[in-house]
Amino acid sequence: IKAGVKDYRLTYYTPDYETKDTDILAAFRVTPQPGVPAEEAGAAVAAESSTGTWTTVWTDGLTSLDRYKGRCYHIEAVVGEENQYIAYVAYPLDLFEKGSVTNMFTSIVGNVFGFKALRALRLEDLRIPPAYSKTFQGPPHGIQSERDKLNKYGRPYWDVLSNHKLGLSAKKLRRTVYECLRRGLDLPRMTKRELPTFYALERPFLILWLKQFIKRKPKQVKSKDITWNATAGTCEEMIKRAIFARELGVPIVMHDYLTGGFTANTSLAHYCRDNGLLLHIHRAMHAVIDRQKNHGMHFRVLAKALRMSGGDHIHAGTVVGKLEGEREMTLGFVDLLRDDFIEKDRSRGIFFTQDWVSMPGVIPVASGGIHVWHMPALTEIFGDDSVLQFGGGTLGHPWGNAPGAVANRVALEACVQARNEGRDLARESNEIIRETCKWSPELAAACEIWE
């Protein structure tokens, strides 16, 4: 040890510590630099993410360090990995501001990931105690309230994302959405392209929507549930967009919670609850944070943070589509989004038992490269409380948008009926779809192109 430089494990490695019900617990995957002991690396994480610094400072004698410091209370080797460890760290509740995900992450993951003694560091899971989660509003409405608002029960929602809208006039875009809605679409969504003039397109689109579909709602269209993107460069503009949507009667707004930030997201969630809007959450940028296996943050942590910050839906991968995702790990954080109480289960990546008490749940959105052949697997994996988002899988139909919508709605209804009759969706998936093709030429055409 260099003169004046502290050995972190002397203060922050406390294997005899018994965790409290009010502690926030973290599981870090730690890869120390060569020559750095695992105990020192774990203690360094606890120190640098709470009260520690590299030397002794005179104010140490003026405060009670034991009241505020993080503690590395257990370390275990990662099976099958060389020089990787899971370091368990407990943080006292007094370290954190009530109702602020921003403050929580500023402390726990703010600076420590660049620490020189660590080759890599990944936050695998957090245990949020009820004493802290109760300081958050959480989702604006929750799963059951959304069912009641939209009056749709007993099956997953079906969503279409219009990524293909750039260059379309508001009139043509409105026609695209209308064709899908007439044929059974639940939630058409106007979202995420990074285009300076896009907002100028969506305003006239929504005004046309108001005139043609909300005021004189045709019999064929049972839904007006357009999702309007409120993500903006400032919080003030974001709230203006949400106000505009509410004034036009649009029931759902969307936000990119990672690029927009947790402070903005929590502000929008509070506005949505106060004004009766549902909040759809997009997770653009998540793979920058969560894709590496030994550095960054697992998506289950981002999912827990979103449930606290507020959102009624969030994208969660598919297991079967174009995006990466292991089935058991995905189902683990899907349960963390939806359920009230989730038991520790290391096989699903859940390091801690999580009790959300009365906080409403979030509906997972399955999206990314999915089509009609995936419908049985998605229905079986995600269940009723989910949104199945078929963008290209609807608008890429060889006969056009309307037949694409028919194909997906028919496939969804067939899978729900088969499940309710007791059939095994996993084992009989192709058989169910082929049987349905006999009385739906639109579905047969979709099956042929995506065979």
Protein backbone atom coordinates (compact mmCIF):
# COMPACT_ATOMS: atom_id res chain seq x y z
CA ILE A 1 0.00 0.00 0.00
CA LYS A 2 1.35 3.43 -0.94
CA ALA A 3 1.80 5.96 1.84
CA GLY A 4 -1.46 7.80 2.49
CA VAL A 5 -3.51 5.48 0.25
CA LYS A 6 -6.18 3.40 2.00
CA ASP A 7 -6.76 -0.32 1.66
CA TYR A 8 -10.53 -0.37 0.99
CA ARG A 9 -11.14 -3.81 2.47
CA LEU A 10 -10.10 -2.62 5.91
CA THR A 11 -13.24 -0.47 6.10
CA TYR A 12 -15.70 -1.60 3.41
CA TYR A 13 -15.38 -5.40 3.34
CA THR A 14 -17.58 -6.63 6.20
CA PRO A 15 -18.42 -10.35 5.80
CA ASP A 16 -20.09 -10.44 9.23
CA TYR A 17 -22.64 -7.75 8.33
CA GLU A 18 -26.29 -8.80 8.54
CA THR A 19 -28.36 -6.97 5.95
CA LYS A 20 -31.36 -4.91 7.06
CA ASP A 21 -34.84 -4.96 5.56
CA THR A 22 -34.35 -1.30 4.65
CA ASP A 23 -31.01 -1.75 2.83
CA ILE A 24 -30.76 -1.47 -0.94
CA LEU A 25 -28.81 -4.57 -1.99
CA ALA A 26 -26.73 -4.79 -5.17
CA ALA A 27 -25.09 -7.74 -6.93
CA PHE A 28 -22.06 -6.68 -8.99
CA ARG A 29 -20.12 -8.92 -11.38
CA VAL A 30 -16.54 -7.85 -10.65
CA THR A 31 -13.48 -8.56 -12.82
CA PRO A 32 -10.42 -7.29 -10.89
CA GLN A 33 -7.17 -6.24 -12.52
CA PRO A 34 -4.36 -8.82 -12.20
CA GLY A 35 -2.95 -8.78 -8.69
CA VAL A 36 -6.02 -7.15 -7.08
CA PRO A 37 -7.67 -9.50 -4.52
CA ALA A 38 -11.40 -10.13 -4.92
CA GLU A 39 -12.08 -8.73 -1.42
CA GLU A 40 -10.28 -5.49 -2.26
CA ALA A 41 -12.16 -5.16 -5.56
CA GLY A 42 -15.54 -5.74 -3.88
CA ALA A 43 -14.70 -3.30 -1.10
CA ALA A 44 -13.59 -0.71 -3.65
CA VAL A 45 -16.97 -0.98 -5.39
CA ALA A 46 -18.79 -0.50 -2.07
CA ALA A 47 -16.59 2.46 -1.15
CA GLU A 48 -16.59 4.35 -4.44
CA SER A 49 -20.36 3.93 -4.89
CA SER A 50 -21.13 5.30 -1.43
CA THR A 51 -18.87 7.36 0.88
CA GLY A 52 -15.30 6.29 0.13
CA THR A 53 -12.36 8.10 -1.37
CA TRP A 54 -8.76 7.07 -2.00
CA THR A 55 -7.26 8.58 1.16
CA THR A 56 -8.18 9.65 4.69
CA VAL A 57 -9.81 13.08 4.88
CA TRP A 58 -10.27 15.21 7.99
CA THR A 59 -14.10 15.22 7.77
CA ASP A 60 -14.11 11.45 8.40
CA GLY A 61 -13.92 12.24 12.09
CA LEU A 62 -16.97 14.52 11.99
CA THR A 63 -19.53 11.99 10.72
CA SER A 64 -20.69 8.48 11.52
CA LEU A 65 -19.23 6.48 8.66
CA ASP A 66 -21.07 3.31 9.70
CA ARG A 67 -24.41 5.05 9.17
CA TYR A 68 -23.77 5.97 5.53
CA LYS A 69 -21.16 3.66 4.02
CA GLY A 70 -21.85 0.84 1.58
CA ARG A 71 -20.65 -2.58 2.69
CA CYS A 72 -19.41 -5.50 0.62
CA TYR A 73 -20.83 -8.30 2.74
CA HIS A 74 -20.31 -11.36 0.53
CA ILE A 75 -18.19 -12.43 -2.46
CA GLU A 76 -18.56 -15.57 -4.54
CA ALA A 77 -16.71 -16.79 -7.63
CA VAL A 78 -18.64 -16.95 -10.92
CA VAL A 79 -18.86 -20.59 -11.99
CA GLY A 80 -17.13 -21.24 -15.30
CA GLU A 81 -15.45 -17.82 -15.48
CA GLU A 82 -11.84 -17.05 -14.62
CA ASN A 83 -11.20 -14.13 -12.28
CA GLN A 84 -14.85 -13.05 -12.09
CA TYR A 85 -16.77 -12.66 -8.85
CA ILE A 86 -20.22 -11.62 -7.66
CA ALA A 87 -19.79 -8.96 -4.99
CA TYR A 88 -22.86 -8.27 -2.85
CA VAL A 89 -23.07 -4.72 -1.54
CA ALA A 90 -25.55 -3.27 0.99
CA TYR A 91 -26.38 0.45 0.97
CA PRO A 92 -28.16 2.19 3.86
CA LEU A 93 -31.35 3.98 2.91
CA ASP A 94 -30.06 7.32 4.20
CA LEU A 95 -27.76 7.53 1.16
CA PHE A 96 -30.66 8.07 -1.24
CA GLU A 97 -33.21 10.76 -2.01
CA LYS A 98 -36.84 9.69 -1.81
CA GLY A 99 -38.60 9.12 -5.12
CA SER A 100 -35.53 9.71 -7.30
CA VAL A 101 -34.15 7.01 -9.61
CA THR A 102 -31.68 9.62 -10.83
CA ASN A 103 -30.22 10.03 -7.35
CA MET A 104 -30.09 6.26 -6.77
CA PHE A 105 -28.13 5.59 -9.96
CA THR A 106 -25.89 8.61 -9.44
CA SER A 107 -24.65 6.97 -6.26
CA ILE A 108 -24.62 3.27 -7.17
CA VAL A 109 -23.32 3.42 -10.76
CA GLY A 110 -22.19 7.03 -11.07
CA ASN A 111 -18.37 6.82 -10.90
CA VAL A 112 -17.27 3.34 -9.90
CA PHE A 113 -17.42 1.82 -13.41
CA GLY A 114 -14.28 3.70 -14.43
CA PHE A 115 -12.31 2.57 -11.38
CA LYS A 116 -8.72 1.63 -12.26
CA ALA A 117 -8.53 -1.43 -9.98
CA LEU A 118 -11.31 -3.11 -11.99
CA ARG A 119 -10.93 -4.56 -15.46
CA ALA A 120 -14.74 -4.73 -15.82
CA LEU A 121 -17.83 -4.24 -13.67
CA ARG A 122 -21.48 -5.12 -14.23
CA LEU A 123 -24.50 -4.43 -12.04
CA GLU A 124 -26.51 -7.66 -12.24
CA ASP A 125 -29.40 -6.94 -9.88
CA LEU A 126 -30.78 -4.62 -7.19
CA ARG A 127 -33.06 -5.37 -4.25
CA ILE A 128 -35.33 -2.37 -3.72
CA PRO A 129 -36.80 -2.50 -0.18
CA PRO A 130 -40.45 -1.52 0.35
CA ALA A 131 -39.25 1.36 2.54
CA TYR A 132 -37.73 2.91 -0.60
CA SER A 133 -40.13 1.72 -3.32
CA LYS A 134 -43.06 3.25 -1.40
CA THR A 135 -41.54 6.70 -1.97
CA PHE A 136 -42.21 6.31 -5.72
CA GLN A 137 -45.50 6.72 -7.58
CA GLY A 138 -44.55 3.96 -10.04
CA PRO A 139 -46.55 3.28 -13.23
CA PRO A 140 -49.22 5.90 -13.97
CA HIS A 141 -52.02 3.31 -14.06
CA GLY A 142 -50.93 -0.33 -14.05
CA ILE A 143 -52.10 -3.48 -15.78
CA GLN A 144 -55.70 -3.79 -14.54
CA SER A 145 -56.47 -0.08 -14.89
CA GLU A 146 -55.25 -0.21 -18.48
CA ARG A 147 -57.48 -3.20 -19.24
CA ASP A 148 -60.43 -1.23 -17.91
CA LYS A 149 -59.48 1.92 -19.84
CA LEU A 150 -59.09 0.13 -23.18
CA ASN A 151 -61.86 -2.43 -22.51
CA LYS A 152 -59.78 -5.31 -23.89
CA TYR A 153 -59.52 -8.54 -21.90
CA GLY A 154 -58.41 -12.16 -22.19
CA ARG A 155 -55.62 -11.83 -24.74
CA PRO A 156 -52.39 -9.92 -25.48
CA TYR A 157 -52.63 -6.48 -27.06
CA TRP A 158 -51.46 -6.17 -30.66
CA ASP A 159 -49.31 -3.17 -31.58
CA VAL A 160 -47.90 -1.85 -34.88
CA LEU A 161 -44.91 0.47 -34.88
CA SER A 162 -44.81 2.74 -37.94
CA ASN A 163 -41.06 2.96 -38.52
CA HIS A 164 -41.91 3.22 -42.20
CA LYS A 165 -43.56 6.64 -41.92
CA LEU A 166 -40.66 8.87 -42.97
CA GLY A 167 -41.51 10.68 -46.19
CA LEU A 168 -45.25 10.00 -45.90
CA SER A 169 -47.70 12.87 -45.75
CA ALA A 170 -50.01 13.04 -42.75
CA LYS A 171 -52.87 11.94 -45.01
CA LYS A 172 -51.03 8.82 -46.23
CA LEU A 173 -49.86 7.97 -42.75
CA ARG A 174 -53.42 8.29 -41.45
CA ARG A 175 -54.59 5.92 -44.18
CA THR A 176 -51.94 3.35 -43.24
CA VAL A 177 -53.03 3.35 -39.61
CA TYR A 178 -56.74 3.34 -40.51
CA GLU A 179 -56.36 0.22 -42.69
CA CYS A 180 -54.81 -1.65 -39.77
CA LEU A 181 -57.32 -0.40 -37.19
CA ARG A 182 -60.29 -1.47 -39.34
CA ARG A 183 -58.93 -4.99 -39.30
CA GLY A 184 -58.31 -5.49 -35.62
CA LEU A 185 -55.21 -3.54 -34.58
CA ASP A 186 -55.23 -2.47 -30.90
CA LEU A 187 -52.41 0.06 -30.54
CA PRO A 188 -50.96 1.85 -33.59
CA ARG A 189 -47.85 3.70 -32.50
CA MET A 190 -46.15 6.79 -33.89
CA THR A 191 -42.61 6.74 -32.51
CA LYS A 192 -38.93 7.19 -32.52
CA ARG A 193 -37.26 8.36 -35.74
CA GLU A 194 -34.62 11.03 -35.23
CA LEU A 195 -35.96 13.55 -37.75
CA PRO A 196 -36.17 17.32 -37.09
CA THR A 197 -39.41 17.66 -39.07
CA PHE A 198 -41.10 14.57 -37.64
CA TYR A 199 -43.04 16.42 -34.98
CA ALA A 200 -44.34 18.77 -37.66
CA LEU A 201 -45.68 15.66 -39.44
CA GLU A 202 -47.35 14.16 -36.38
CA ARG A 203 -49.28 17.32 -35.46
CA PRO A 204 -51.32 17.43 -38.70
CA PHE A 205 -51.63 13.64 -38.55
CA LEU A 206 -53.25 13.80 -35.13
CA ILE A 207 -55.52 16.67 -36.13
CA LEU A 208 -56.72 14.66 -39.14
CA TRP A 209 -57.13 11.67 -36.84
CA LEU A 210 -59.30 13.72 -34.52
CA LYS A 211 -61.51 14.91 -37.37
CA GLN A 212 -62.05 11.57 -39.07
CA PHE A 213 -61.81 8.87 -36.41
CA ILE A 214 -62.58 10.32 -33.01
CA LYS A 215 -65.48 12.68 -33.75
CA ARG A 216 -67.19 10.47 -36.35
CA LYS A 217 -65.92 7.07 -35.28
CA PRO A 218 -66.81 4.51 -38.00
CA LYS A 219 -68.45 1.25 -36.99
CA GLN A 220 -65.51 -0.75 -38.32
CA VAL A 221 -63.07 1.00 -35.97
CA LYS A 222 -63.56 0.03 -32.34
CA SER A 223 -60.42 1.77 -31.09
CA LYS A 224 -58.90 5.23 -31.14
CA ASP A 225 -55.85 4.15 -29.20
CA ILE A 226 -53.08 5.94 -31.11
CA THR A 227 -49.79 6.19 -29.20
CA TRP A 228 -48.25 9.65 -29.49
CA ASN A 229 -44.50 10.20 -29.02
CA ALA A 230 -43.88 12.89 -26.39
CA THR A 231 -40.08 12.47 -26.25
CA ALA A 232 -38.43 15.87 -26.73
CA GLY A 233 -35.24 17.84 -26.23
CA THR A 234 -36.48 19.52 -23.04
CA CYS A 235 -38.88 18.55 -20.27
CA GLU A 236 -40.99 21.61 -21.06
CA GLU A 237 -41.46 20.58 -24.69
CA MET A 238 -42.17 16.99 -23.63
CA ILE A 239 -45.03 18.13 -21.37
CA LYS A 240 -46.35 20.39 -24.17
CA ARG A 241 -46.56 17.38 -26.47
CA ALA A 242 -48.36 15.36 -23.81
CA ILE A 243 -50.83 18.23 -23.30
CA PHE A 244 -51.42 18.41 -27.07
CA ALA A 245 -52.18 14.68 -27.18
CA ARG A 246 -54.54 14.89 -24.21
CA GLU A 247 -56.44 17.81 -25.73
CA LEU A 248 -57.01 15.81 -28.93
CA GLY A 249 -58.29 12.79 -27.01
CA VAL A 250 -55.27 10.55 -27.63
CA PRO A 251 -55.14 8.08 -24.70
CA ILE A 252 -51.48 6.95 -24.81
CA VAL A 253 -48.19 8.86 -24.97
CA MET A 254 -44.73 7.39 -25.43
CA HIS A 255 -41.32 8.23 -24.00
CA ASP A 256 -37.75 7.04 -24.60
CA TYR A 257 -36.79 6.70 -20.96
CA LEU A 258 -33.05 6.12 -21.35
CA THR A 259 -32.27 8.79 -23.93
CA GLY A 260 -34.79 11.14 -22.31
CA GLY A 261 -33.52 10.47 -18.79
CA PHE A 262 -35.13 9.30 -15.57
CA THR A 263 -35.96 12.78 -14.30
CA ALA A 264 -37.90 13.55 -17.48
CA ASN A 265 -39.56 10.14 -17.42
CA THR A 266 -40.72 10.48 -13.81
CA SER A 267 -42.09 13.95 -14.56
CA LEU A 268 -44.05 12.61 -17.53
CA ALA A 269 -45.34 9.64 -15.49
CA HIS A 270 -46.73 12.03 -12.87
CA TYR A 271 -48.39 14.12 -15.59
CA CYS A 272 -49.90 10.98 -17.16
CA ARG A 273 -51.41 9.79 -13.88
CA ASP A 274 -52.84 13.23 -13.10
CA ASN A 275 -54.39 13.53 -16.57
CA GLY A 276 -55.55 9.99 -17.32
CA LEU A 277 -52.96 9.17 -20.00
CA LEU A 278 -51.30 5.78 -20.39
CA LEU A 279 -47.50 5.86 -20.77
CA HIS A 280 -45.74 3.61 -23.27
CA ILE A 281 -41.98 3.31 -22.69
CA HIS A 282 -39.40 2.73 -25.40
CA ARG A 283 -35.90 1.61 -24.39
CA ALA A 284 -33.69 3.08 -27.15
CA MET A 285 -29.99 2.88 -26.13
CA HIS A 286 -30.47 -0.06 -23.74
CA ALA A 287 -28.03 -2.38 -25.54
CA VAL A 288 -25.26 0.20 -25.12
CA ILE A 289 -25.67 -0.37 -21.38
CA ASP A 290 -26.76 -4.00 -21.03
CA ARG A 291 -25.41 -6.13 -23.88
CA GLN A 292 -21.88 -6.84 -22.62
CA LYS A 293 -21.83 -9.82 -20.27
CA ASN A 294 -19.12 -8.55 -17.93
CA HIS A 295 -19.52 -4.76 -18.00
CA GLY A 296 -22.42 -2.34 -17.74
CA MET A 297 -25.81 -3.14 -16.27
CA HIS A 298 -28.29 -5.97 -16.84
CA PHE A 299 -31.67 -5.00 -18.26
CA ARG A 300 -33.43 -6.39 -15.16
CA VAL A 301 -31.97 -3.42 -13.25
CA LEU A 302 -33.20 -0.98 -15.90
CA ALA A 303 -36.61 -2.70 -15.76
CA LYS A 304 -36.85 -2.25 -11.98
CA ALA A 305 -35.78 1.37 -12.34
CA LEU A 306 -38.48 1.93 -14.96
CA ARG A 307 -41.17 0.42 -12.73
CA MET A 308 -40.20 2.91 -10.01
CA SER A 309 -39.85 5.87 -12.38
CA GLY A 310 -43.14 5.11 -14.10
CA GLY A 311 -44.44 3.49 -17.28
CA ASP A 312 -47.39 1.31 -18.30
CA HIS A 313 -45.60 -0.62 -21.10
CA ILE A 314 -41.92 -1.25 -21.80
CA HIS A 315 -40.13 -3.13 -24.56
CA ALA A 316 -38.63 -6.37 -23.26
CA GLY A 317 -37.27 -8.30 -26.25
CA THR A 318 -38.91 -11.40 -27.73
CA VAL A 319 -36.77 -14.52 -27.14
CA VAL A 320 -37.77 -15.62 -30.67
CA GLY A 321 -37.21 -12.55 -32.90
CA LYS A 322 -34.20 -10.61 -34.19
CA LEU A 323 -33.04 -9.24 -30.82
CA GLU A 324 -30.81 -11.07 -28.37
CA GLY A 325 -32.45 -12.60 -25.30
CA GLU A 326 -32.40 -15.87 -23.35
CA ARG A 327 -35.80 -17.28 -22.47
CA GLU A 328 -35.37 -17.79 -18.71
CA MET A 329 -33.54 -14.49 -18.20
CA THR A 330 -36.19 -12.64 -20.20
CA LEU A 331 -39.03 -14.25 -18.24
CA GLY A 332 -37.19 -13.30 -15.04
CA PHE A 333 -37.33 -9.57 -15.71
CA VAL A 334 -40.81 -9.86 -17.24
CA ASP A 335 -41.98 -11.18 -13.87
CA LEU A 336 -40.12 -8.34 -12.13
CA LEU A 337 -42.13 -5.92 -14.28
CA ARG A 338 -45.57 -7.51 -13.79
CA ASP A 339 -45.73 -9.35 -10.47
CA ASP A 340 -46.07 -8.04 -6.91
CA PHE A 341 -43.69 -10.54 -5.29
CA ILE A 342 -40.81 -12.33 -7.03
CA GLU A 343 -38.72 -14.99 -5.30
CA LYS A 344 -34.95 -15.20 -5.66
CA ASP A 345 -34.11 -17.56 -8.54
CA ARG A 346 -30.53 -17.60 -9.80
CA SER A 347 -31.46 -19.80 -12.77
CA ARG A 348 -33.45 -16.82 -14.09
CA GLY A 349 -30.88 -14.24 -13.03
CA ILE A 350 -32.89 -13.01 -10.04
CA PHE A 351 -30.35 -12.49 -7.25
CA PHE A 352 -32.76 -11.14 -4.61
CA THR A 353 -36.36 -11.65 -3.54
CA GLN A 354 -38.23 -8.53 -4.63
CA ASP A 355 -41.41 -7.30 -2.93
CA TRP A 356 -43.12 -4.43 -4.78
CA VAL A 357 -45.92 -4.27 -2.16
CA SER A 358 -48.75 -2.32 -3.84
CA MET A 359 -46.84 -0.75 -6.75
CA PRO A 360 -48.74 -1.32 -10.05
CA GLY A 361 -47.22 -3.58 -12.70
CA VAL A 362 -45.82 -2.80 -16.15
CA ILE A 363 -46.88 -4.64 -19.32
CA PRO A 364 -43.92 -6.04 -21.33
CA VAL A 365 -43.83 -5.36 -25.07
CA ALA A 366 -42.47 -8.15 -27.28
CA SER A 367 -40.95 -6.56 -30.37
CA GLY A 368 -38.18 -7.04 -32.90
CA GLY A 369 -38.29 -9.15 -36.06
CA ILE A 370 -41.44 -11.14 -35.27
CA HIS A 371 -44.12 -12.42 -37.67
CA VAL A 372 -47.11 -14.77 -37.74
CA TRP A 373 -45.07 -17.96 -37.29
CA HIS A 374 -43.85 -16.57 -33.95
CA MET A 375 -47.38 -15.90 -32.65
CA PRO A 376 -47.88 -19.23 -30.78
CA ALA A 377 -44.50 -18.97 -29.03
CA LEU A 378 -45.09 -15.33 -28.06
CA THR A 379 -48.57 -16.09 -26.71
CA GLU A 380 -47.17 -18.99 -24.67
CA ILE A 381 -44.09 -17.11 -23.38
CA PHE A 382 -45.60 -13.73 -22.53
CA GLY A 383 -49.22 -14.62 -21.72
CA ASP A 384 -52.19 -12.26 -21.80
CA ASP A 385 -50.65 -9.28 -19.99
CA SER A 386 -48.35 -8.29 -22.84
CA VAL A 387 -48.18 -6.25 -26.02
CA LEU A 388 -47.07 -8.06 -29.20
CA GLN A 389 -45.59 -5.52 -31.57
CA PHE A 390 -45.62 -6.53 -35.26
CA GLY A 391 -44.28 -3.65 -37.37
CA GLY A 392 -42.65 -5.21 -40.40
CA GLY A 393 -44.67 -8.35 -39.65
CA THR A 394 -47.83 -6.37 -40.47
CA LEU A 395 -46.82 -3.70 -42.98
CA GLY A 396 -44.53 -6.12 -44.85
CA HIS A 397 -47.40 -8.37 -45.97
CA PRO A 398 -47.18 -9.01 -49.74
CA TRP A 399 -50.80 -7.95 -50.26
CA GLY A 400 -50.58 -4.69 -48.32
CA ASN A 401 -51.22 -3.23 -44.88
CA ALA A 402 -54.85 -4.30 -44.45
CA PRO A 403 -54.25 -7.99 -45.27
CA GLY A 404 -51.19 -7.87 -43.01
CA ALA A 405 -53.40 -6.67 -40.18
CA VAL A 406 -55.95 -9.41 -40.87
CA ALA A 407 -53.24 -12.09 -40.86
CA ASN A 408 -51.85 -11.05 -37.50
CA ARG A 409 -55.21 -10.64 -35.77
CA VAL A 410 -56.41 -14.02 -37.08
CA ALA A 411 -53.18 -15.68 -35.91
CA LEU A 412 -53.49 -14.07 -32.47
CA GLU A 413 -57.12 -15.13 -32.02
CA ALA A 414 -56.30 -18.67 -33.18
CA CYS A 415 -53.46 -18.98 -30.67
CA VAL A 416 -55.57 -17.66 -27.79
CA GLN A 417 -58.39 -20.05 -28.69
CA ALA A 418 -55.99 -23.01 -28.95
CA ARG A 419 -54.48 -22.17 -25.57
CA ASN A 420 -57.92 -21.85 -23.97
CA GLU A 421 -58.82 -25.27 -25.39
CA GLY A 422 -55.81 -26.76 -23.62
CA ARG A 423 -53.51 -27.25 -26.60
CA ASP A 424 -49.73 -27.04 -26.18
CA LEU A 425 -48.67 -23.88 -28.03
CA ALA A 426 -44.97 -24.73 -27.82
CA ARG A 427 -45.34 -28.23 -29.29
CA GLU A 428 -48.20 -27.60 -31.74
CA SER A 429 -47.29 -24.08 -32.87
CA ASN A 430 -46.84 -24.76 -36.61
CA GLU A 431 -49.86 -27.06 -36.71
CA ILE A 432 -52.11 -24.38 -35.17
CA ILE A 433 -51.01 -21.76 -37.70
CA ARG A 434 -51.37 -24.15 -40.67
CA GLU A 435 -54.88 -25.14 -39.59
CA THR A 436 -55.86 -21.48 -39.40
CA CYS A 437 -54.45 -20.77 -42.88
CA LYS A 438 -57.21 -22.94 -44.38
CA TRP A 439 -59.84 -20.29 -43.67
CA SER A 440 -57.66 -17.15 -43.87
CA PRO A 441 -55.97 -16.49 -47.24
CA GLU A 442 -54.28 -13.41 -45.75
CA LEU A 443 -52.61 -15.55 -43.08
CA ALA A 444 -51.65 -18.16 -45.69
CA ALA A 445 -49.90 -15.49 -47.78
CA ALA A 446 -48.03 -14.20 -44.72
CA CYS A 447 -46.96 -17.73 -43.78
CA GLU A 448 -45.68 -18.35 -47.29
CA ILE A 449 -43.46 -15.25 -47.42
CA TRP A 450 -42.01 -15.80 -43.91
CA GLU A 451 -41.81 -19.62 -44.07
